[in-house]
Amino acid sequence: MKVFKNELKSALSGVTKDKTRYTMDGIRIEEDKIVSTDGRILVLLDRLYPHYEDFEFEPFIIPFKTVKELVRSRGNYEISFKKMCTTIEARYNDMTLEFIPLEGSFPPYKDVIPTKEEFIIGLGVELLTKLLKSAKEYKIETIRFGFTTNKEAVLLTGEDGDEFCKNWSSVIMPVNLKN
């Protein structure tokens, strides 16, 4: 079983900071996906090279501290995992790290993924980042996403900013998702 460092690094943003949510304090590695969630944000990556080995694969959760150690070195490199008796061995850059995977049930994340095409929209990352920075400058803590009445654009609104901006709004034209 192999993954790339950048795949793990991308999933770190979804890992919970709440230590009472034990099974979400890591990244779940599945046969064809890498998943992390804090209960509010879900990061789901389709694996670049799904598992093709001759034995049955069992998903596992890499603890947050272990992931931080695995992605510490520079460059994008391959990390191979091998299941031992009760531990998992990770090999990368001529190094070996053995860890105990987190036990327990990972949240049923597939239940929250929209399945109907009408609920899937595309937003340009650069534009969305720019808008989020704008909201942060005005100390907007919560942004609501909605659709304009004709459902051709996404409406972002926020309230209770700083003394210069009590209400914040933006409208984004979605990116065309169809090829």
C-alpha atoms as a PDB file:
ATOM      1  CA  MET A   1       0.000   0.000   0.000  1.00  0.00           C
ATOM      2  CA  LYS A   2       1.505   3.336  -1.066  1.00  0.00           C
ATOM      3  CA  VAL A   3       0.467   6.979  -0.820  1.00  0.00           C
ATOM      4  CA  PHE A   4       2.215  10.224  -1.641  1.00  0.00           C
ATOM      5  CA  LYS A   5       3.237  12.741   1.015  1.00  0.00           C
ATOM      6  CA  ASN A   6       1.167  15.482  -0.658  1.00  0.00           C
ATOM      7  CA  GLU A   7      -1.960  13.321  -0.417  1.00  0.00           C
ATOM      8  CA  LEU A   8      -1.543  13.085   3.365  1.00  0.00           C
ATOM      9  CA  LYS A   9      -0.606  16.757   3.654  1.00  0.00           C
ATOM     10  CA  SER A  10      -3.756  17.792   1.752  1.00  0.00           C
ATOM     11  CA  ALA A  11      -5.937  15.803   4.144  1.00  0.00           C
ATOM     12  CA  LEU A  12      -4.453  17.393   7.293  1.00  0.00           C
ATOM     13  CA  SER A  13      -6.829  20.385   7.109  1.00  0.00           C
ATOM     14  CA  GLY A  14      -9.778  18.131   7.926  1.00  0.00           C
ATOM     15  CA  VAL A  15      -8.312  16.510  11.051  1.00  0.00           C
ATOM     16  CA  THR A  16     -10.053  17.530  14.288  1.00  0.00           C
ATOM     17  CA  LYS A  17      -8.294  19.618  16.911  1.00  0.00           C
ATOM     18  CA  ASP A  18     -10.749  18.284  19.534  1.00  0.00           C
ATOM     19  CA  LYS A  19      -8.918  15.461  21.325  1.00  0.00           C
ATOM     20  CA  THR A  20     -12.201  14.044  22.666  1.00  0.00           C
ATOM     21  CA  ARG A  21     -13.116  12.989  19.100  1.00  0.00           C
ATOM     22  CA  TYR A  22     -10.592  10.172  19.125  1.00  0.00           C
ATOM     23  CA  THR A  23     -11.234   8.490  15.749  1.00  0.00           C
ATOM     24  CA  MET A  24     -11.244  11.841  13.941  1.00  0.00           C
ATOM     25  CA  ASP A  25      -7.773  12.710  15.279  1.00  0.00           C
ATOM     26  CA  GLY A  26      -6.161  11.183  12.225  1.00  0.00           C
ATOM     27  CA  ILE A  27      -6.445  10.407   8.535  1.00  0.00           C
ATOM     28  CA  ARG A  28      -8.306   7.345   7.288  1.00  0.00           C
ATOM     29  CA  ILE A  29      -6.612   5.437   4.485  1.00  0.00           C
ATOM     30  CA  GLU A  30      -8.954   3.383   2.347  1.00  0.00           C
ATOM     31  CA  GLU A  31      -8.296   1.278  -0.708  1.00  0.00           C
ATOM     32  CA  ASP A  32      -9.119   4.140  -3.093  1.00  0.00           C
ATOM     33  CA  LYS A  33      -9.587   7.194  -0.820  1.00  0.00           C
ATOM     34  CA  ILE A  34      -7.920   9.289   1.857  1.00  0.00           C
ATOM     35  CA  VAL A  35     -10.384  10.866   4.307  1.00  0.00           C
ATOM     36  CA  SER A  36     -10.271  13.274   7.231  1.00  0.00           C
ATOM     37  CA  THR A  37     -12.963  15.187   9.085  1.00  0.00           C
ATOM     38  CA  ASP A  38     -13.400  17.298  12.161  1.00  0.00           C
ATOM     39  CA  GLY A  39     -17.177  16.896  12.102  1.00  0.00           C
ATOM     40  CA  ARG A  40     -17.632  20.159  10.186  1.00  0.00           C
ATOM     41  CA  ILE A  41     -15.103  19.899   7.369  1.00  0.00           C
ATOM     42  CA  LEU A  42     -14.696  16.766   5.286  1.00  0.00           C
ATOM     43  CA  VAL A  43     -11.587  16.298   3.161  1.00  0.00           C
ATOM     44  CA  LEU A  44     -11.974  13.445   0.685  1.00  0.00           C
ATOM     45  CA  LEU A  45      -9.230  12.602  -1.788  1.00  0.00           C
ATOM     46  CA  ASP A  46      -9.473  10.008  -4.509  1.00  0.00           C
ATOM     47  CA  ARG A  47      -6.196   8.127  -4.382  1.00  0.00           C
ATOM     48  CA  LEU A  48      -3.774   8.637  -7.241  1.00  0.00           C
ATOM     49  CA  TYR A  49      -2.813   4.975  -7.270  1.00  0.00           C
ATOM     50  CA  PRO A  50      -5.472   2.776  -5.677  1.00  0.00           C
ATOM     51  CA  HIS A  51      -4.486  -0.430  -3.906  1.00  0.00           C
ATOM     52  CA  TYR A  52      -3.780  -3.287  -6.345  1.00  0.00           C
ATOM     53  CA  GLU A  53      -2.067  -5.885  -4.190  1.00  0.00           C
ATOM     54  CA  ASP A  54      -3.019  -9.552  -3.905  1.00  0.00           C
ATOM     55  CA  PHE A  55      -4.209  -9.493  -0.298  1.00  0.00           C
ATOM     56  CA  GLU A  56      -7.378  -8.050   1.223  1.00  0.00           C
ATOM     57  CA  PHE A  57      -6.928  -4.420   2.228  1.00  0.00           C
ATOM     58  CA  GLU A  58      -8.265  -3.174   5.571  1.00  0.00           C
ATOM     59  CA  PRO A  59      -8.748   0.593   6.028  1.00  0.00           C
ATOM     60  CA  PHE A  60      -6.783   2.168   8.879  1.00  0.00           C
ATOM     61  CA  ILE A  61      -6.496   5.540  10.613  1.00  0.00           C
ATOM     62  CA  ILE A  62      -3.082   7.181  10.921  1.00  0.00           C
ATOM     63  CA  PRO A  63      -2.844   9.286  14.121  1.00  0.00           C
ATOM     64  CA  PHE A  64      -2.388  13.048  13.585  1.00  0.00           C
ATOM     65  CA  LYS A  65       1.062  13.128  15.225  1.00  0.00           C
ATOM     66  CA  THR A  66       2.237  10.290  12.978  1.00  0.00           C
ATOM     67  CA  VAL A  67       0.956  12.081   9.860  1.00  0.00           C
ATOM     68  CA  LYS A  68       2.819  15.251  10.912  1.00  0.00           C
ATOM     69  CA  GLU A  69       6.010  13.212  11.199  1.00  0.00           C
ATOM     70  CA  LEU A  70       5.452  11.490   7.835  1.00  0.00           C
ATOM     71  CA  VAL A  71       5.009  14.776   5.935  1.00  0.00           C
ATOM     72  CA  ARG A  72       7.849  16.679   7.609  1.00  0.00           C
ATOM     73  CA  SER A  73      10.571  16.081   5.011  1.00  0.00           C
ATOM     74  CA  ARG A  74      10.859  18.235   1.877  1.00  0.00           C
ATOM     75  CA  GLY A  75       9.523  17.264  -1.533  1.00  0.00           C
ATOM     76  CA  ASN A  76       6.742  14.939  -2.575  1.00  0.00           C
ATOM     77  CA  TYR A  77       7.707  11.345  -1.880  1.00  0.00           C
ATOM     78  CA  GLU A  78       6.057   7.976  -1.745  1.00  0.00           C
ATOM     79  CA  ILE A  79       5.191   6.422   1.608  1.00  0.00           C
ATOM     80  CA  SER A  80       4.591   2.687   1.699  1.00  0.00           C
ATOM     81  CA  PHE A  81       2.580   1.076   4.482  1.00  0.00           C
ATOM     82  CA  LYS A  82       2.806  -2.515   5.605  1.00  0.00           C
ATOM     83  CA  LYS A  83       0.523  -4.072   8.198  1.00  0.00           C
ATOM     84  CA  MET A  84       2.368  -5.906  10.942  1.00  0.00           C
ATOM     85  CA  CYS A  85       0.631  -7.827  13.787  1.00  0.00           C
ATOM     86  CA  THR A  86      -0.771  -4.876  15.756  1.00  0.00           C
ATOM     87  CA  THR A  87       1.119  -2.010  14.145  1.00  0.00           C
ATOM     88  CA  ILE A  88       1.690  -0.513  10.727  1.00  0.00           C
ATOM     89  CA  GLU A  89       5.106   0.163   9.306  1.00  0.00           C
ATOM     90  CA  ALA A  90       5.608   3.270   7.153  1.00  0.00           C
ATOM     91  CA  ARG A  91       8.679   3.508   4.920  1.00  0.00           C
ATOM     92  CA  TYR A  92       9.797   6.710   3.203  1.00  0.00           C
ATOM     93  CA  ASN A  93      13.074   8.413   2.270  1.00  0.00           C
ATOM     94  CA  ASP A  94      15.159   5.492   3.600  1.00  0.00           C
ATOM     95  CA  MET A  95      13.415   5.779   6.965  1.00  0.00           C
ATOM     96  CA  THR A  96      10.986   3.512   8.792  1.00  0.00           C
ATOM     97  CA  LEU A  97       8.316   4.601  11.247  1.00  0.00           C
ATOM     98  CA  GLU A  98       6.171   2.065  13.076  1.00  0.00           C
ATOM     99  CA  PHE A  99       2.881   3.207  14.593  1.00  0.00           C
ATOM    100  CA  ILE A 100      -0.312   1.896  16.146  1.00  0.00           C
ATOM    101  CA  PRO A 101      -3.342   2.861  14.045  1.00  0.00           C
ATOM    102  CA  LEU A 102      -6.261   4.508  15.825  1.00  0.00           C
ATOM    103  CA  GLU A 103      -8.957   2.055  16.832  1.00  0.00           C
ATOM    104  CA  GLY A 104     -12.663   2.696  16.550  1.00  0.00           C
ATOM    105  CA  SER A 105     -15.201   3.575  13.892  1.00  0.00           C
ATOM    106  CA  PHE A 106     -14.557   6.503  11.607  1.00  0.00           C
ATOM    107  CA  PRO A 107     -17.719   8.610  11.064  1.00  0.00           C
ATOM    108  CA  PRO A 108     -19.936   7.460   8.158  1.00  0.00           C
ATOM    109  CA  TYR A 109     -18.702  10.260   5.882  1.00  0.00           C
ATOM    110  CA  LYS A 110     -20.373   8.882   2.742  1.00  0.00           C
ATOM    111  CA  ASP A 111     -23.749   9.844   4.245  1.00  0.00           C
ATOM    112  CA  VAL A 112     -23.022  13.587   3.919  1.00  0.00           C
ATOM    113  CA  ILE A 113     -21.775  13.667   0.324  1.00  0.00           C
ATOM    114  CA  PRO A 114     -24.389  15.151  -2.030  1.00  0.00           C
ATOM    115  CA  THR A 115     -25.503  12.622  -4.612  1.00  0.00           C
ATOM    116  CA  LYS A 116     -27.735  14.763  -6.786  1.00  0.00           C
ATOM    117  CA  GLU A 117     -26.018  16.823  -9.478  1.00  0.00           C
ATOM    118  CA  GLU A 118     -28.215  19.845  -8.648  1.00  0.00           C
ATOM    119  CA  PHE A 119     -26.445  20.272  -5.304  1.00  0.00           C
ATOM    120  CA  ILE A 120     -22.925  20.209  -6.694  1.00  0.00           C
ATOM    121  CA  ILE A 121     -21.380  23.559  -7.607  1.00  0.00           C
ATOM    122  CA  GLY A 122     -17.914  24.624  -8.623  1.00  0.00           C
ATOM    123  CA  LEU A 123     -16.173  27.611  -7.071  1.00  0.00           C
ATOM    124  CA  GLY A 124     -12.803  28.893  -8.243  1.00  0.00           C
ATOM    125  CA  VAL A 125     -10.275  28.281  -5.451  1.00  0.00           C
ATOM    126  CA  GLU A 126      -8.401  31.532  -6.068  1.00  0.00           C
ATOM    127  CA  LEU A 127     -11.596  33.597  -6.001  1.00  0.00           C
ATOM    128  CA  LEU A 128     -12.974  31.802  -2.949  1.00  0.00           C
ATOM    129  CA  THR A 129      -9.661  32.305  -1.101  1.00  0.00           C
ATOM    130  CA  LYS A 130      -9.754  36.008  -1.935  1.00  0.00           C
ATOM    131  CA  LEU A 131     -13.326  36.323  -0.607  1.00  0.00           C
ATOM    132  CA  LEU A 132     -12.530  34.428   2.582  1.00  0.00           C
ATOM    133  CA  LYS A 133      -9.560  36.745   3.200  1.00  0.00           C
ATOM    134  CA  SER A 134     -11.895  39.711   2.727  1.00  0.00           C
ATOM    135  CA  ALA A 135     -14.358  38.298   5.259  1.00  0.00           C
ATOM    136  CA  LYS A 136     -11.524  37.615   7.698  1.00  0.00           C
ATOM    137  CA  GLU A 137     -10.268  41.218   7.385  1.00  0.00           C
ATOM    138  CA  TYR A 138     -13.689  42.419   8.561  1.00  0.00           C
ATOM    139  CA  LYS A 139     -13.685  39.836  11.369  1.00  0.00           C
ATOM    140  CA  ILE A 140     -16.637  37.924   9.927  1.00  0.00           C
ATOM    141  CA  GLU A 141     -16.630  34.623  11.834  1.00  0.00           C
ATOM    142  CA  THR A 142     -19.418  32.724  10.084  1.00  0.00           C
ATOM    143  CA  ILE A 143     -20.276  32.765   6.388  1.00  0.00           C
ATOM    144  CA  ARG A 144     -23.535  31.382   5.048  1.00  0.00           C
ATOM    145  CA  PHE A 145     -23.612  29.925   1.550  1.00  0.00           C
ATOM    146  CA  GLY A 146     -26.832  29.973  -0.439  1.00  0.00           C
ATOM    147  CA  PHE A 147     -28.107  30.308  -3.984  1.00  0.00           C
ATOM    148  CA  THR A 148     -29.526  33.365  -5.665  1.00  0.00           C
ATOM    149  CA  THR A 149     -33.215  32.992  -6.531  1.00  0.00           C
ATOM    150  CA  ASN A 150     -32.512  31.810 -10.071  1.00  0.00           C
ATOM    151  CA  LYS A 151     -29.849  29.381  -8.745  1.00  0.00           C
ATOM    152  CA  GLU A 152     -27.268  30.749 -11.185  1.00  0.00           C
ATOM    153  CA  ALA A 153     -24.926  32.152  -8.555  1.00  0.00           C
ATOM    154  CA  VAL A 154     -23.746  31.419  -5.026  1.00  0.00           C
ATOM    155  CA  LEU A 155     -24.477  33.977  -2.337  1.00  0.00           C
ATOM    156  CA  LEU A 156     -22.118  34.310   0.624  1.00  0.00           C
ATOM    157  CA  THR A 157     -23.231  36.398   3.593  1.00  0.00           C
ATOM    158  CA  GLY A 158     -21.806  37.145   7.005  1.00  0.00           C
ATOM    159  CA  GLU A 159     -22.808  39.293   9.971  1.00  0.00           C
ATOM    160  CA  ASP A 160     -21.325  40.715  13.147  1.00  0.00           C
ATOM    161  CA  GLY A 161     -18.037  41.884  11.681  1.00  0.00           C
ATOM    162  CA  ASP A 162     -15.925  44.695  13.086  1.00  0.00           C
ATOM    163  CA  GLU A 163     -17.050  48.284  13.637  1.00  0.00           C
ATOM    164  CA  PHE A 164     -16.533  49.112   9.940  1.00  0.00           C
ATOM    165  CA  CYS A 165     -18.549  46.236   8.482  1.00  0.00           C
ATOM    166  CA  LYS A 166     -21.580  44.785  10.251  1.00  0.00           C
ATOM    167  CA  ASN A 167     -22.924  42.842   7.243  1.00  0.00           C
ATOM    168  CA  TRP A 168     -20.796  41.327   4.499  1.00  0.00           C
ATOM    169  CA  SER A 169     -22.055  39.822   1.218  1.00  0.00           C
ATOM    170  CA  SER A 170     -20.607  38.485  -1.980  1.00  0.00           C
ATOM    171  CA  VAL A 171     -22.010  36.763  -5.041  1.00  0.00           C
ATOM    172  CA  ILE A 172     -19.935  34.207  -6.960  1.00  0.00           C
ATOM    173  CA  MET A 173     -20.718  32.822 -10.373  1.00  0.00           C
ATOM    174  CA  PRO A 174     -20.046  29.056 -10.180  1.00  0.00           C
ATOM    175  CA  VAL A 175     -17.454  27.412 -12.388  1.00  0.00           C
ATOM    176  CA  ASN A 176     -18.917  25.137 -15.036  1.00  0.00           C
ATOM    177  CA  LEU A 177     -18.334  21.583 -13.778  1.00  0.00           C
ATOM    178  CA  LYS A 178     -19.296  19.791 -16.964  1.00  0.00           C
ATOM    179  CA  ASN A 179     -16.501  18.903 -19.381  1.00  0.00           C
END
